[in-house]
Amino acid sequence: MTHRPQIRIPATYMRGGTSKGVFFRLDDLPTAARVPGPARDALLLRVIGSPDPYQKQIDGMGGATSSTSKTVILSRSDSPDHDVDYLFGQVSIDKPFVDWSGNCGNLSAAVGPFAISNGLVDEARIPENGIAEVRIWQANIGKTIIARVPITEGRVQETGDFELDGVTFPAAEVPVEFMDPADGEGAMFPTGRVVEELEVPGVGTLPATLINAGIPTIFVNAADIGYTGTELQEAINGDAEALARFEAIRAHGAVRMGLIEHVDEAASRQHTPKVAFVAPPTGYQASSGKTIQADEVDLLVRALSMGKLHHAMMGTAAVAISAAAAVPGTLVNLAAGGGERTAVRFGHPSGTLRVGAEARQVDGQWTATKAIMSRSARVLMEGWVRVPGEVVAG
């Protein structure tokens, strides 16, 4: 049997926030993968090393977690109001599919630096020293993101002293603004209510905030499902029954949000919605060993991504947290003490994160105008990824 040789594709391996992924320029992909479809999905699956029944992704670039099984495709934008078009693919670890249903807020921080370094932003918009404002079109969800990238001597500055819990080493700060993060028609709360009674067979009926801001997210109270909000990954990810309960909450919440018609469809839509649980502030020890005092945070949040408790916090879920905190009466807002808020600092498994949001009522419906957070980004490796030729040839 004749086997095609490997092909190589220009790529950059980057960290953005508490995630990392493989970044491509659209024009560098094989012709068949430059358009959505099976060829593109097959290529990205092979690059990352999925599907892997061992769930290790040894034969690919993935890191065997939802935070490290990610791909990004970028191109110059045709829109005069944007510099770059950004498409995000969440690659399943053990199943043969790529989920295109949402954004990655963490990797959003790496889009601006990549775009500048790879010639996707007009040179006239890049100062010799200062801040380059990169206008990003997030193609998965049809939203605008503004990244403010530090520039030193005409090049992206990656090093710095900005510390981000969940990332070991400091780097340069990249503030990111998510503009109009609610869904396209402004239905931030798909059911029209800030708190729903969510019936989940086998779990019970739970108060829940179902919000679509940043990424569709289901918030429940930690106490209502037997938790304190101080849990770390090992407390949940090794408990098959707990993970099954969370998946049931996610599936039934997805139906109530109108994202799917039947709970069975949730299995093929792993990236969205997210499910998270919240609690009032209390002290705990983060996964790094650092002690988080109750007075350092406004509330505690733990979130699951791709069926596992996240080691820190997804960037898009942080947007959902900030938007929900800004609306009086949501479970997030109540856990933080209630009232009107434009920013919160929440505790997650790796430490704390401060996020801000602006929300207002329009014709009786809440909508978010923007959400803001600071992240950092860094190139880890650049060159080519290689895949067997038959993957692209089909």
Protein backbone atom coordinates (compact mmCIF):
# COMPACT_ATOMS: atom_id res chain seq x y z
CA MET A 1 0.00 0.00 0.00
CA THR A 2 1.33 3.43 -0.96
CA HIS A 3 1.18 6.20 1.63
CA ARG A 4 1.37 9.85 0.79
CA PRO A 5 4.23 11.76 2.47
CA GLN A 6 3.50 14.30 5.14
CA ILE A 7 2.74 17.85 4.13
CA ARG A 8 3.75 20.87 6.16
CA ILE A 9 1.59 23.90 6.87
CA PRO A 10 2.80 27.24 8.31
CA ALA A 11 1.47 27.59 11.84
CA THR A 12 2.10 29.29 15.17
CA TYR A 13 1.55 27.73 18.59
CA MET A 14 0.37 30.46 20.95
CA ARG A 15 -0.81 30.96 24.48
CA GLY A 16 -3.67 33.39 24.94
CA GLY A 17 -4.87 33.93 28.50
CA THR A 18 -5.18 30.53 30.17
CA SER A 19 -5.54 28.65 26.87
CA LYS A 20 -3.24 27.73 24.02
CA GLY A 21 -3.84 26.67 20.45
CA VAL A 22 -2.54 26.34 16.92
CA PHE A 23 -2.95 29.51 14.82
CA PHE A 24 -3.15 29.55 11.03
CA ARG A 25 -3.44 32.18 8.34
CA LEU A 26 -6.36 31.19 6.13
CA ASP A 27 -4.26 31.56 2.98
CA ASP A 28 -1.66 29.12 4.33
CA LEU A 29 -4.13 26.24 4.62
CA PRO A 30 -4.41 23.62 1.86
CA THR A 31 -6.96 24.77 -0.71
CA ALA A 32 -9.63 22.27 0.36
CA ALA A 33 -9.40 23.47 3.98
CA ARG A 34 -9.83 27.16 3.18
CA VAL A 35 -13.59 26.75 3.24
CA PRO A 36 -15.79 25.27 5.99
CA GLY A 37 -16.48 21.57 5.67
CA PRO A 38 -15.19 18.05 6.20
CA ALA A 39 -11.72 18.74 4.73
CA ARG A 40 -11.08 21.59 7.15
CA ASP A 41 -12.36 19.59 10.13
CA ALA A 42 -10.30 16.54 9.18
CA LEU A 43 -7.16 18.65 8.92
CA LEU A 44 -7.62 20.34 12.29
CA LEU A 45 -8.48 17.08 14.02
CA ARG A 46 -5.24 15.54 12.73
CA VAL A 47 -3.19 18.61 13.68
CA ILE A 48 -4.45 18.45 17.26
CA GLY A 49 -4.32 14.63 17.47
CA SER A 50 -8.01 13.75 17.68
CA PRO A 51 -10.05 11.68 18.04
CA ASP A 52 -7.92 9.92 20.63
CA PRO A 53 -9.54 7.09 22.63
CA TYR A 54 -6.63 7.36 25.08
CA GLN A 55 -7.54 11.06 25.58
CA LYS A 56 -3.87 12.12 25.55
CA GLN A 57 -3.48 13.60 22.03
CA ILE A 58 0.05 12.19 21.92
CA ASP A 59 0.09 12.19 18.10
CA GLY A 60 -0.78 15.85 17.72
CA MET A 61 -0.41 19.37 19.10
CA GLY A 62 -3.26 19.13 21.60
CA GLY A 63 -2.64 19.04 25.34
CA ALA A 64 -5.50 16.69 26.25
CA THR A 65 -7.61 19.37 27.95
CA SER A 66 -10.32 21.67 26.65
CA SER A 67 -7.94 24.61 27.23
CA THR A 68 -5.30 23.14 24.94
CA SER A 69 -7.36 21.46 22.20
CA LYS A 70 -7.98 24.60 20.18
CA THR A 71 -7.41 26.00 16.70
CA VAL A 72 -7.65 29.49 15.21
CA ILE A 73 -7.90 30.60 11.56
CA LEU A 74 -7.23 34.26 10.75
CA SER A 75 -7.43 36.40 7.62
CA ARG A 76 -7.47 40.06 6.69
CA SER A 77 -10.99 41.41 7.03
CA ASP A 78 -12.95 42.63 4.04
CA SER A 79 -14.78 45.03 6.35
CA PRO A 80 -13.38 48.58 6.60
CA ASP A 81 -14.39 48.58 10.27
CA HIS A 82 -12.24 45.55 11.16
CA ASP A 83 -8.62 44.53 10.69
CA VAL A 84 -8.89 40.77 10.93
CA ASP A 85 -11.48 38.00 10.76
CA TYR A 86 -11.12 35.42 13.54
CA LEU A 87 -12.55 31.91 13.41
CA PHE A 88 -12.22 29.57 16.38
CA GLY A 89 -12.47 25.77 16.35
CA GLN A 90 -12.78 23.80 19.60
CA VAL A 91 -11.46 20.33 18.82
CA SER A 92 -13.00 17.39 20.65
CA ILE A 93 -10.42 15.20 22.35
CA ASP A 94 -12.01 11.77 21.99
CA LYS A 95 -14.65 12.33 19.30
CA PRO A 96 -14.23 13.14 15.59
CA PHE A 97 -15.62 16.64 15.43
CA VAL A 98 -14.70 20.30 15.65
CA ASP A 99 -17.18 22.58 17.42
CA TRP A 100 -17.60 25.95 15.66
CA SER A 101 -20.53 27.16 17.80
CA GLY A 102 -18.72 29.70 19.97
CA ASN A 103 -15.68 31.85 20.65
CA CYS A 104 -12.63 31.38 22.89
CA GLY A 105 -12.23 34.50 24.99
CA ASN A 106 -8.75 33.56 26.18
CA LEU A 107 -7.35 33.03 22.69
CA SER A 108 -9.00 36.30 21.65
CA ALA A 109 -6.09 37.99 23.45
CA ALA A 110 -3.62 36.28 21.09
CA VAL A 111 -5.46 37.25 17.89
CA GLY A 112 -4.24 40.85 17.87
CA PRO A 113 -0.57 39.98 18.46
CA PHE A 114 -0.67 37.23 15.80
CA ALA A 115 -2.42 39.50 13.31
CA ILE A 116 0.18 42.25 13.73
CA SER A 117 3.16 39.89 13.56
CA ASN A 118 1.80 38.13 10.47
CA GLY A 119 0.98 41.15 8.34
CA LEU A 120 -2.80 41.08 8.75
CA VAL A 121 -3.00 44.64 10.13
CA ASP A 122 -2.11 47.69 8.02
CA GLU A 123 1.28 49.04 9.02
CA ALA A 124 -0.18 52.54 9.26
CA ARG A 125 -2.24 51.38 12.26
CA ILE A 126 0.79 50.15 14.19
CA PRO A 127 2.77 52.76 16.18
CA GLU A 128 6.52 52.54 16.61
CA ASN A 129 5.93 52.59 20.36
CA GLY A 130 2.64 52.54 22.21
CA ILE A 131 -0.62 50.63 21.83
CA ALA A 132 -2.00 49.19 18.60
CA GLU A 133 -5.78 48.87 18.61
CA VAL A 134 -6.72 45.77 16.63
CA ARG A 135 -10.34 45.55 15.50
CA ILE A 136 -11.34 41.89 15.34
CA TRP A 137 -14.40 40.35 13.72
CA GLN A 138 -15.29 37.18 15.64
CA ALA A 139 -16.79 35.13 12.84
CA ASN A 140 -18.23 32.30 14.97
CA ILE A 141 -20.66 34.59 16.79
CA GLY A 142 -20.67 37.69 14.59
CA LYS A 143 -19.26 40.11 17.15
CA THR A 144 -16.57 42.78 17.40
CA ILE A 145 -13.61 42.45 19.75
CA ILE A 146 -11.09 45.21 20.38
CA ALA A 147 -7.60 44.14 21.50
CA ARG A 148 -5.06 46.72 22.66
CA VAL A 149 -1.63 45.32 21.91
CA PRO A 150 1.55 46.87 23.34
CA ILE A 151 4.17 47.74 20.70
CA THR A 152 7.86 48.39 21.31
CA GLU A 153 10.11 49.50 18.44
CA GLY A 154 7.47 48.48 15.91
CA ARG A 155 7.08 44.93 17.18
CA VAL A 156 4.57 43.22 19.45
CA GLN A 157 5.78 43.33 23.05
CA GLU A 158 5.17 39.96 24.67
CA THR A 159 7.21 40.23 27.86
CA GLY A 160 6.09 42.22 30.87
CA ASP A 161 5.09 42.07 34.50
CA PHE A 162 1.33 41.47 34.14
CA GLU A 163 0.36 38.42 36.19
CA LEU A 164 -2.67 36.28 35.37
CA ASP A 165 -3.81 33.57 37.75
CA GLY A 166 -3.72 30.26 35.91
CA VAL A 167 -0.59 31.27 33.97
CA THR A 168 2.76 30.57 35.59
CA PHE A 169 4.87 33.42 34.23
CA PRO A 170 4.17 37.15 33.82
CA ALA A 171 3.87 38.75 30.37
CA ALA A 172 2.68 41.94 28.70
CA GLU A 173 -0.91 42.96 29.43
CA VAL A 174 -3.40 42.86 26.56
CA PRO A 175 -6.74 44.51 27.46
CA VAL A 176 -9.62 43.01 25.48
CA GLU A 177 -13.08 44.52 24.97
CA PHE A 178 -15.98 42.37 23.81
CA MET A 179 -18.45 44.72 22.16
CA ASP A 180 -22.20 44.04 22.39
CA PRO A 181 -21.54 40.53 23.76
CA ALA A 182 -25.21 39.51 23.99
CA ASP A 183 -26.62 37.57 21.05
CA GLY A 184 -27.28 39.25 17.73
CA GLU A 185 -30.82 40.38 18.56
CA GLY A 186 -29.98 41.54 22.08
CA ALA A 187 -31.69 38.62 23.83
CA MET A 188 -29.17 38.36 26.61
CA PHE A 189 -31.66 36.28 28.59
CA PRO A 190 -33.22 33.92 26.02
CA THR A 191 -36.28 33.13 28.16
CA GLY A 192 -36.86 36.78 29.09
CA ARG A 193 -36.17 36.19 32.79
CA VAL A 194 -33.00 36.69 34.83
CA VAL A 195 -33.73 33.57 36.93
CA GLU A 196 -35.48 30.46 35.66
CA GLU A 197 -36.67 27.31 37.38
CA LEU A 198 -34.77 24.67 35.43
CA GLU A 199 -36.16 21.16 35.69
CA VAL A 200 -33.48 18.50 35.24
CA PRO A 201 -34.65 14.87 35.54
CA GLY A 202 -32.52 13.00 38.04
CA VAL A 203 -31.15 16.22 39.50
CA GLY A 204 -34.18 18.29 40.49
CA THR A 205 -35.58 21.72 39.80
CA LEU A 206 -32.91 24.39 40.17
CA PRO A 207 -32.94 28.17 40.07
CA ALA A 208 -30.77 29.07 37.08
CA THR A 209 -29.63 32.15 35.21
CA LEU A 210 -29.55 31.38 31.49
CA ILE A 211 -27.53 34.05 29.72
CA ASN A 212 -26.13 34.57 26.25
CA ALA A 213 -23.27 37.03 26.61
CA GLY A 214 -19.77 36.14 25.48
CA ILE A 215 -20.92 32.54 25.27
CA PRO A 216 -24.22 30.89 26.22
CA THR A 217 -23.88 29.99 29.90
CA ILE A 218 -26.03 28.31 32.54
CA PHE A 219 -25.41 29.53 36.09
CA VAL A 220 -26.68 27.62 39.13
CA ASN A 221 -26.05 28.03 42.84
CA ALA A 222 -23.27 25.84 44.23
CA ALA A 223 -25.29 25.05 47.36
CA ASP A 224 -28.22 23.78 45.29
CA ILE A 225 -26.07 21.02 43.79
CA GLY A 226 -24.10 20.11 46.90
CA TYR A 227 -20.99 22.23 46.44
CA THR A 228 -19.37 25.21 48.19
CA GLY A 229 -17.83 26.99 45.19
CA THR A 230 -14.30 26.36 46.52
CA GLU A 231 -13.83 23.09 44.59
CA LEU A 232 -10.73 22.38 42.50
CA GLN A 233 -10.53 20.09 39.48
CA GLU A 234 -9.83 16.86 41.37
CA ALA A 235 -13.03 17.23 43.39
CA ILE A 236 -15.20 16.96 40.28
CA ASN A 237 -13.30 15.65 37.27
CA GLY A 238 -12.72 12.24 38.82
CA ASP A 239 -16.39 11.87 39.79
CA ALA A 240 -18.26 10.32 36.88
CA GLU A 241 -21.66 10.77 38.55
CA ALA A 242 -20.99 14.48 39.16
CA LEU A 243 -19.94 15.01 35.55
CA ALA A 244 -23.08 13.25 34.37
CA ARG A 245 -25.22 15.57 36.52
CA PHE A 246 -23.50 18.62 35.09
CA GLU A 247 -24.00 17.33 31.56
CA ALA A 248 -27.70 16.81 32.30
CA ILE A 249 -27.96 20.39 33.57
CA ARG A 250 -26.14 21.61 30.47
CA ALA A 251 -28.32 19.63 28.07
CA HIS A 252 -31.64 20.68 29.62
CA GLY A 253 -30.46 24.27 29.92
CA ALA A 254 -29.50 24.25 26.24
CA VAL A 255 -33.04 23.24 25.34
CA ARG A 256 -34.52 26.03 27.49
CA MET A 257 -32.17 28.51 25.83
CA GLY A 258 -33.32 27.42 22.38
CA LEU A 259 -29.86 26.26 21.37
CA ILE A 260 -31.03 22.71 20.66
CA GLU A 261 -34.43 21.09 20.28
CA HIS A 262 -33.76 17.89 22.22
CA VAL A 263 -31.32 17.00 24.99
CA ASP A 264 -29.77 14.28 22.82
CA GLU A 265 -28.33 16.99 20.55
CA ALA A 266 -26.10 18.31 23.37
CA ALA A 267 -23.61 15.50 22.79
CA SER A 268 -22.67 16.96 19.40
CA ARG A 269 -22.49 20.51 20.74
CA GLN A 270 -19.90 20.24 23.49
CA HIS A 271 -18.47 23.77 23.36
CA THR A 272 -21.75 25.55 24.09
CA PRO A 273 -23.46 26.22 26.36
CA LYS A 274 -21.18 26.32 29.38
CA VAL A 275 -22.40 25.41 32.84
CA ALA A 276 -21.09 27.15 35.97
CA PHE A 277 -21.92 27.31 39.65
CA VAL A 278 -21.61 30.34 41.93
CA ALA A 279 -21.32 31.02 45.64
CA PRO A 280 -20.80 33.99 47.97
CA PRO A 281 -17.18 34.81 48.82
CA THR A 282 -15.25 32.59 51.19
CA GLY A 283 -11.59 31.78 51.62
CA TYR A 284 -9.97 28.80 49.87
CA GLN A 285 -6.65 27.50 48.63
CA ALA A 286 -6.11 27.83 44.89
CA SER A 287 -4.58 25.06 42.81
CA SER A 288 -1.20 26.85 42.95
CA GLY A 289 -1.25 26.65 46.74
CA LYS A 290 -1.97 30.37 47.08
CA THR A 291 -4.53 31.29 49.74
CA ILE A 292 -7.44 33.38 48.50
CA GLN A 293 -9.06 35.40 51.26
CA ALA A 294 -12.80 36.01 51.29
CA ASP A 295 -12.30 39.79 51.19
CA GLU A 296 -10.26 39.50 47.97
CA VAL A 297 -13.27 38.45 45.88
CA ASP A 298 -16.90 39.40 45.33
CA LEU A 299 -18.03 35.85 44.61
CA LEU A 300 -16.79 32.37 43.69
CA VAL A 301 -17.37 30.77 40.28
CA ARG A 302 -16.50 27.33 38.97
CA ALA A 303 -17.18 26.48 35.32
CA LEU A 304 -17.07 23.38 33.16
CA SER A 305 -15.75 23.23 29.61
CA MET A 306 -16.03 20.24 27.28
CA GLY A 307 -17.35 18.11 30.14
CA LYS A 308 -14.63 18.90 32.71
CA LEU A 309 -14.16 21.50 35.44
CA HIS A 310 -11.89 24.19 33.99
CA HIS A 311 -8.55 24.78 35.69
CA ALA A 312 -9.14 28.54 35.75
CA MET A 313 -11.89 30.37 33.81
CA MET A 314 -12.76 30.45 30.14
CA GLY A 315 -12.54 33.98 28.77
CA THR A 316 -15.98 33.87 27.20
CA ALA A 317 -17.46 32.56 30.46
CA ALA A 318 -15.77 35.49 32.22
CA VAL A 319 -17.68 37.77 29.83
CA ALA A 320 -20.90 35.98 30.81
CA ILE A 321 -20.01 36.40 34.49
CA SER A 322 -19.38 40.12 34.10
CA ALA A 323 -22.59 40.68 32.14
CA ALA A 324 -24.69 38.66 34.59
CA ALA A 325 -23.12 40.46 37.56
CA ALA A 326 -24.15 43.80 36.03
CA VAL A 327 -27.86 42.83 36.02
CA PRO A 328 -29.62 42.99 39.39
CA GLY A 329 -31.28 39.75 40.46
CA THR A 330 -29.26 37.20 38.51
CA LEU A 331 -27.69 34.38 40.50
CA VAL A 332 -24.27 35.84 39.74
CA ASN A 333 -25.32 39.28 40.91
CA LEU A 334 -26.92 37.90 44.08
CA ALA A 335 -23.87 35.79 44.94
CA ALA A 336 -21.80 38.98 44.67
CA GLY A 337 -24.12 40.78 47.11
CA GLY A 338 -26.71 42.22 44.73
CA GLY A 339 -27.22 45.78 43.55
CA GLU A 340 -25.80 47.60 40.55
CA ARG A 341 -22.28 46.62 39.52
CA THR A 342 -19.95 47.55 36.69
CA ALA A 343 -17.16 45.16 37.73
CA VAL A 344 -16.57 42.10 39.90
CA ARG A 345 -13.56 40.12 41.05
CA PHE A 346 -14.35 36.44 41.26
CA GLY A 347 -12.47 33.48 42.63
CA HIS A 348 -11.79 30.50 40.33
CA PRO A 349 -9.72 27.33 40.85
CA SER A 350 -6.42 29.01 39.94
CA GLY A 351 -6.95 32.33 41.71
CA THR A 352 -8.91 35.50 40.96
CA LEU A 353 -9.95 37.56 37.95
CA ARG A 354 -11.45 41.03 37.66
CA VAL A 355 -13.93 41.65 34.84
CA GLY A 356 -16.12 44.61 33.97
CA ALA A 357 -19.30 45.07 31.97
CA GLU A 358 -21.88 47.66 31.05
CA ALA A 359 -25.51 46.57 30.84
CA ARG A 360 -28.74 48.47 30.24
CA GLN A 361 -32.42 47.84 29.67
CA VAL A 362 -33.90 48.45 26.23
CA ASP A 363 -37.67 48.10 25.87
CA GLY A 364 -37.75 46.10 29.09
CA GLN A 365 -35.01 43.68 27.99
CA TRP A 366 -31.49 43.66 29.40
CA THR A 367 -28.55 43.86 27.03
CA ALA A 368 -24.81 44.24 27.54
CA THR A 369 -22.98 46.96 25.63
CA LYS A 370 -19.48 45.69 26.33
CA ALA A 371 -17.37 43.54 28.63
CA ILE A 372 -13.75 44.17 29.49
CA MET A 373 -10.91 42.05 30.84
CA SER A 374 -7.13 41.94 30.71
CA ARG A 375 -5.23 38.90 29.46
CA SER A 376 -1.77 38.23 28.05
CA ALA A 377 -0.44 36.31 25.06
CA ARG A 378 2.82 34.82 23.89
CA VAL A 379 4.20 32.91 20.91
CA LEU A 380 5.37 29.50 22.10
CA MET A 381 6.59 28.10 18.77
CA GLU A 382 6.35 29.00 15.12
CA GLY A 383 7.16 27.19 11.92
CA TRP A 384 5.18 24.34 10.34
CA VAL A 385 2.88 21.61 11.53
CA ARG A 386 2.93 18.34 9.61
CA VAL A 387 0.10 15.99 8.78
CA PRO A 388 -0.08 12.88 6.59
CA GLY A 389 -0.91 13.84 3.03
CA GLU A 390 -3.96 11.56 2.84
CA VAL A 391 -5.69 13.65 5.53
CA VAL A 392 -5.94 16.62 3.18
CA ALA A 393 -6.37 14.58 0.03
CA GLY A 394 -9.29 12.65 1.58
